[in-house]
């Protein structure tokens, strides 16, 4: 990691099966990381919304899964490619919120796998018992926290001291 470059966090977690696409925790962490760590943030809620507003102005993305599966798959593939490139090429660390919605979906597993492949740390927040989380996901995780407050303390200790 180049100390002359601003670090970048990727916010990974359930969207498709999450309440509000998982935007609540992401908005909070996005603001905190920018303010307290002065890192940049890739927030998939913001990025997906911008992408879909260009590609699908009527905003009926989830309905496409039933109404036009071919278009849905095309759009999903573009999102997968974009998010994967973000992790591989631009991200320094991943903040992962693992809950029932992440467990039901596949994107979070893919994101932490990309991070693991490219040796980017994955900091997971979860209230779930580790025994209930897939071994693959645990294997991709660098450190597990029981709350976002615990994660924030860790991130401040790890990254705030290195700011110059």
C-alpha atoms as a PDB file:
ATOM      1  CA  UNK A   1       0.000   0.000   0.000  1.00  0.00           C
ATOM      2  CA  UNK A   2       1.358   3.345  -1.048  1.00  0.00           C
ATOM      3  CA  UNK A   3       1.238   5.831   1.831  1.00  0.00           C
ATOM      4  CA  UNK A   4       0.874   8.714  -0.651  1.00  0.00           C
ATOM      5  CA  UNK A   5      -2.437   7.362  -1.899  1.00  0.00           C
ATOM      6  CA  UNK A   6      -5.709   7.533  -0.016  1.00  0.00           C
ATOM      7  CA  UNK A   7      -6.857   4.082   1.078  1.00  0.00           C
ATOM      8  CA  UNK A   8     -10.155   2.714  -0.226  1.00  0.00           C
ATOM      9  CA  UNK A   9     -12.744   0.561   1.547  1.00  0.00           C
ATOM     10  CA  UNK A  10     -15.343  -1.639  -0.136  1.00  0.00           C
ATOM     11  CA  UNK A  11     -18.633  -2.180   1.734  1.00  0.00           C
ATOM     12  CA  UNK A  12     -19.753  -5.770   1.179  1.00  0.00           C
ATOM     13  CA  UNK A  13     -22.983  -7.330   2.415  1.00  0.00           C
ATOM     14  CA  UNK A  14     -26.423  -8.518   1.432  1.00  0.00           C
ATOM     15  CA  UNK A  15     -28.463  -6.445  -0.993  1.00  0.00           C
ATOM     16  CA  UNK A  16     -30.935  -8.562  -2.933  1.00  0.00           C
ATOM     17  CA  UNK A  17     -32.525 -10.104   0.164  1.00  0.00           C
ATOM     18  CA  UNK A  18     -31.752  -7.271   2.597  1.00  0.00           C
ATOM     19  CA  UNK A  19     -34.161  -4.669   3.924  1.00  0.00           C
ATOM     20  CA  UNK A  20     -33.588  -1.488   1.918  1.00  0.00           C
ATOM     21  CA  UNK A  21     -30.880  -3.257  -0.101  1.00  0.00           C
ATOM     22  CA  UNK A  22     -28.648  -3.053   2.998  1.00  0.00           C
ATOM     23  CA  UNK A  23     -28.254   0.694   2.641  1.00  0.00           C
ATOM     24  CA  UNK A  24     -28.606   1.667   6.329  1.00  0.00           C
ATOM     25  CA  UNK A  25     -25.389   0.156   7.626  1.00  0.00           C
ATOM     26  CA  UNK A  26     -23.531   1.156   4.456  1.00  0.00           C
ATOM     27  CA  UNK A  27     -24.539   4.825   4.730  1.00  0.00           C
ATOM     28  CA  UNK A  28     -23.375   4.897   8.352  1.00  0.00           C
ATOM     29  CA  UNK A  29     -20.031   3.189   7.669  1.00  0.00           C
ATOM     30  CA  UNK A  30     -19.472   5.186   4.480  1.00  0.00           C
ATOM     31  CA  UNK A  31     -19.803   8.467   6.387  1.00  0.00           C
ATOM     32  CA  UNK A  32     -17.701   7.228   9.319  1.00  0.00           C
ATOM     33  CA  UNK A  33     -14.838   5.913   7.170  1.00  0.00           C
ATOM     34  CA  UNK A  34     -14.694   9.137   5.152  1.00  0.00           C
ATOM     35  CA  UNK A  35     -14.815  11.369   8.239  1.00  0.00           C
ATOM     36  CA  UNK A  36     -12.782   9.436  10.806  1.00  0.00           C
ATOM     37  CA  UNK A  37     -10.253   7.618   8.601  1.00  0.00           C
ATOM     38  CA  UNK A  38     -10.260   9.955   5.588  1.00  0.00           C
ATOM     39  CA  UNK A  39     -10.386   6.938   3.275  1.00  0.00           C
ATOM     40  CA  UNK A  40     -12.471   6.760   0.137  1.00  0.00           C
ATOM     41  CA  UNK A  41     -15.350   4.284   0.029  1.00  0.00           C
ATOM     42  CA  UNK A  42     -16.949   2.124  -2.623  1.00  0.00           C
ATOM     43  CA  UNK A  43     -20.570   1.785  -1.584  1.00  0.00           C
ATOM     44  CA  UNK A  44     -22.394  -0.694  -3.869  1.00  0.00           C
ATOM     45  CA  UNK A  45     -25.766   0.877  -3.000  1.00  0.00           C
ATOM     46  CA  UNK A  46     -24.647   4.234  -4.396  1.00  0.00           C
ATOM     47  CA  UNK A  47     -22.797   2.751  -7.364  1.00  0.00           C
ATOM     48  CA  UNK A  48     -25.603   0.343  -8.320  1.00  0.00           C
ATOM     49  CA  UNK A  49     -28.193   3.091  -8.075  1.00  0.00           C
ATOM     50  CA  UNK A  50     -26.157   5.358 -10.367  1.00  0.00           C
ATOM     51  CA  UNK A  51     -25.606   2.505 -12.844  1.00  0.00           C
ATOM     52  CA  UNK A  52     -29.245   1.419 -12.864  1.00  0.00           C
ATOM     53  CA  UNK A  53     -30.591   4.974 -13.182  1.00  0.00           C
ATOM     54  CA  UNK A  54     -28.671   5.225 -16.476  1.00  0.00           C
ATOM     55  CA  UNK A  55     -29.522   1.755 -17.766  1.00  0.00           C
ATOM     56  CA  UNK A  56     -33.046   1.449 -16.404  1.00  0.00           C
ATOM     57  CA  UNK A  57     -34.680   4.843 -15.827  1.00  0.00           C
ATOM     58  CA  UNK A  58     -37.993   3.344 -14.619  1.00  0.00           C
ATOM     59  CA  UNK A  59     -36.244   1.910 -11.541  1.00  0.00           C
ATOM     60  CA  UNK A  60     -37.896  -1.511 -11.788  1.00  0.00           C
ATOM     61  CA  UNK A  61     -34.708  -3.564 -11.548  1.00  0.00           C
ATOM     62  CA  UNK A  62     -35.823  -6.340  -9.188  1.00  0.00           C
ATOM     63  CA  UNK A  63     -39.042  -6.847 -11.184  1.00  0.00           C
ATOM     64  CA  UNK A  64     -36.935  -7.676 -14.248  1.00  0.00           C
ATOM     65  CA  UNK A  65     -36.045 -11.014 -12.673  1.00  0.00           C
ATOM     66  CA  UNK A  66     -39.676 -12.022 -13.335  1.00  0.00           C
ATOM     67  CA  UNK A  67     -40.493  -9.836 -16.335  1.00  0.00           C
ATOM     68  CA  UNK A  68     -37.363  -9.914 -18.514  1.00  0.00           C
ATOM     69  CA  UNK A  69     -34.768 -12.387 -17.284  1.00  0.00           C
ATOM     70  CA  UNK A  70     -32.423 -11.770 -20.236  1.00  0.00           C
ATOM     71  CA  UNK A  71     -32.160  -8.048 -19.515  1.00  0.00           C
ATOM     72  CA  UNK A  72     -31.861  -8.767 -15.800  1.00  0.00           C
ATOM     73  CA  UNK A  73     -28.948 -11.163 -16.390  1.00  0.00           C
ATOM     74  CA  UNK A  74     -27.217  -8.653 -18.689  1.00  0.00           C
ATOM     75  CA  UNK A  75     -27.472  -5.926 -16.035  1.00  0.00           C
ATOM     76  CA  UNK A  76     -26.368  -8.243 -13.221  1.00  0.00           C
ATOM     77  CA  UNK A  77     -23.327  -9.293 -15.249  1.00  0.00           C
ATOM     78  CA  UNK A  78     -22.321  -5.662 -15.722  1.00  0.00           C
ATOM     79  CA  UNK A  79     -22.686  -5.052 -11.987  1.00  0.00           C
ATOM     80  CA  UNK A  80     -20.672  -8.187 -11.131  1.00  0.00           C
ATOM     81  CA  UNK A  81     -17.902  -7.154 -13.525  1.00  0.00           C
ATOM     82  CA  UNK A  82     -17.806  -3.599 -12.193  1.00  0.00           C
ATOM     83  CA  UNK A  83     -17.815  -4.602  -8.514  1.00  0.00           C
ATOM     84  CA  UNK A  84     -15.215  -7.328  -9.102  1.00  0.00           C
ATOM     85  CA  UNK A  85     -12.877  -4.898 -10.894  1.00  0.00           C
ATOM     86  CA  UNK A  86     -13.338  -2.446  -8.029  1.00  0.00           C
ATOM     87  CA  UNK A  87     -12.183  -5.000  -5.466  1.00  0.00           C
ATOM     88  CA  UNK A  88      -9.293  -6.335  -7.534  1.00  0.00           C
ATOM     89  CA  UNK A  89      -7.977  -3.026  -8.896  1.00  0.00           C
ATOM     90  CA  UNK A  90      -8.872  -0.261  -6.430  1.00  0.00           C
ATOM     91  CA  UNK A  91      -9.839  -1.590  -3.003  1.00  0.00           C
ATOM     92  CA  UNK A  92      -7.416  -1.757  -0.072  1.00  0.00           C
ATOM     93  CA  UNK A  93      -9.723  -3.505   2.407  1.00  0.00           C
ATOM     94  CA  UNK A  94     -13.267  -4.862   2.598  1.00  0.00           C
ATOM     95  CA  UNK A  95     -15.786  -4.234   5.363  1.00  0.00           C
ATOM     96  CA  UNK A  96     -18.249  -7.131   5.244  1.00  0.00           C
ATOM     97  CA  UNK A  97     -21.546  -7.239   7.100  1.00  0.00           C
ATOM     98  CA  UNK A  98     -22.610 -10.882   7.288  1.00  0.00           C
ATOM     99  CA  UNK A  99     -26.222 -11.526   8.213  1.00  0.00           C
ATOM    100  CA  UNK A 100     -29.127 -13.645   6.985  1.00  0.00           C
ATOM    101  CA  UNK A 101     -29.436 -11.586   3.796  1.00  0.00           C
ATOM    102  CA  UNK A 102     -25.760 -12.132   2.937  1.00  0.00           C
ATOM    103  CA  UNK A 103     -26.213 -15.822   3.703  1.00  0.00           C
ATOM    104  CA  UNK A 104     -29.159 -16.055   1.259  1.00  0.00           C
ATOM    105  CA  UNK A 105     -27.377 -14.232  -1.559  1.00  0.00           C
ATOM    106  CA  UNK A 106     -24.189 -14.902  -3.465  1.00  0.00           C
ATOM    107  CA  UNK A 107     -22.614 -11.490  -4.075  1.00  0.00           C
ATOM    108  CA  UNK A 108     -21.043 -11.113  -0.659  1.00  0.00           C
ATOM    109  CA  UNK A 109     -19.402 -14.532  -0.944  1.00  0.00           C
ATOM    110  CA  UNK A 110     -18.041 -13.542  -4.350  1.00  0.00           C
ATOM    111  CA  UNK A 111     -16.755 -10.224  -3.045  1.00  0.00           C
ATOM    112  CA  UNK A 112     -14.893 -11.693  -0.084  1.00  0.00           C
ATOM    113  CA  UNK A 113     -13.495 -14.390  -2.404  1.00  0.00           C
ATOM    114  CA  UNK A 114     -12.118 -11.707  -4.748  1.00  0.00           C
ATOM    115  CA  UNK A 115     -10.596  -9.923  -1.768  1.00  0.00           C
ATOM    116  CA  UNK A 116      -8.993 -13.146  -0.536  1.00  0.00           C
ATOM    117  CA  UNK A 117      -7.621 -13.975  -3.988  1.00  0.00           C
ATOM    118  CA  UNK A 118      -5.965 -10.556  -4.193  1.00  0.00           C
ATOM    119  CA  UNK A 119      -4.854 -10.622  -0.521  1.00  0.00           C
ATOM    120  CA  UNK A 120      -7.002  -7.690   0.582  1.00  0.00           C
ATOM    121  CA  UNK A 121      -8.057  -7.825   4.241  1.00  0.00           C
ATOM    122  CA  UNK A 122     -11.707  -8.609   4.945  1.00  0.00           C
ATOM    123  CA  UNK A 123     -13.091  -7.278   8.227  1.00  0.00           C
ATOM    124  CA  UNK A 124     -16.394  -8.987   8.993  1.00  0.00           C
ATOM    125  CA  UNK A 125     -19.110  -7.757  11.325  1.00  0.00           C
ATOM    126  CA  UNK A 126     -21.659 -10.383  12.278  1.00  0.00           C
ATOM    127  CA  UNK A 127     -23.992 -11.329  15.096  1.00  0.00           C
ATOM    128  CA  UNK A 128     -24.187 -14.889  13.757  1.00  0.00           C
ATOM    129  CA  UNK A 129     -22.363 -17.826  15.319  1.00  0.00           C
ATOM    130  CA  UNK A 130     -19.288 -18.636  13.236  1.00  0.00           C
ATOM    131  CA  UNK A 131     -20.445 -22.267  13.049  1.00  0.00           C
ATOM    132  CA  UNK A 132     -23.468 -21.073  11.027  1.00  0.00           C
ATOM    133  CA  UNK A 133     -21.398 -19.164   8.471  1.00  0.00           C
ATOM    134  CA  UNK A 134     -20.082 -21.077   5.447  1.00  0.00           C
ATOM    135  CA  UNK A 135     -16.478 -22.207   5.893  1.00  0.00           C
ATOM    136  CA  UNK A 136     -15.558 -20.645   2.551  1.00  0.00           C
ATOM    137  CA  UNK A 137     -16.618 -17.220   3.815  1.00  0.00           C
ATOM    138  CA  UNK A 138     -14.795 -17.645   7.123  1.00  0.00           C
ATOM    139  CA  UNK A 139     -11.700 -18.683   5.162  1.00  0.00           C
ATOM    140  CA  UNK A 140     -11.829 -15.406   3.237  1.00  0.00           C
ATOM    141  CA  UNK A 141     -12.162 -13.322   6.400  1.00  0.00           C
ATOM    142  CA  UNK A 142      -9.193 -11.647   8.071  1.00  0.00           C
ATOM    143  CA  UNK A 143     -10.858 -10.665  11.360  1.00  0.00           C
ATOM    144  CA  UNK A 144     -14.395 -10.994  12.782  1.00  0.00           C
ATOM    145  CA  UNK A 145     -16.161  -8.399  14.957  1.00  0.00           C
ATOM    146  CA  UNK A 146     -19.392  -8.674  16.921  1.00  0.00           C
ATOM    147  CA  UNK A 147     -20.422  -5.078  16.221  1.00  0.00           C
ATOM    148  CA  UNK A 148     -19.660  -2.081  14.063  1.00  0.00           C
ATOM    149  CA  UNK A 149     -18.406  -0.274  17.172  1.00  0.00           C
ATOM    150  CA  UNK A 150     -15.759  -2.989  17.697  1.00  0.00           C
ATOM    151  CA  UNK A 151     -14.768  -2.705  14.044  1.00  0.00           C
ATOM    152  CA  UNK A 152     -14.443   1.083  14.291  1.00  0.00           C
ATOM    153  CA  UNK A 153     -12.091   0.812  17.278  1.00  0.00           C
ATOM    154  CA  UNK A 154      -9.954  -1.670  15.338  1.00  0.00           C
ATOM    155  CA  UNK A 155      -9.909   0.424  12.143  1.00  0.00           C
ATOM    156  CA  UNK A 156      -8.936   3.549  14.071  1.00  0.00           C
ATOM    157  CA  UNK A 157      -6.069   1.686  15.689  1.00  0.00           C
ATOM    158  CA  UNK A 158      -4.908   0.146  12.445  1.00  0.00           C
ATOM    159  CA  UNK A 159      -5.318   3.025  10.017  1.00  0.00           C
ATOM    160  CA  UNK A 160      -5.617   6.331  11.897  1.00  0.00           C
ATOM    161  CA  UNK A 161      -2.073   6.066  13.283  1.00  0.00           C
ATOM    162  CA  UNK A 162      -0.707   5.593   9.747  1.00  0.00           C
ATOM    163  CA  UNK A 163      -2.190   8.795   8.365  1.00  0.00           C
ATOM    164  CA  UNK A 164       0.383  11.374   7.622  1.00  0.00           C
END
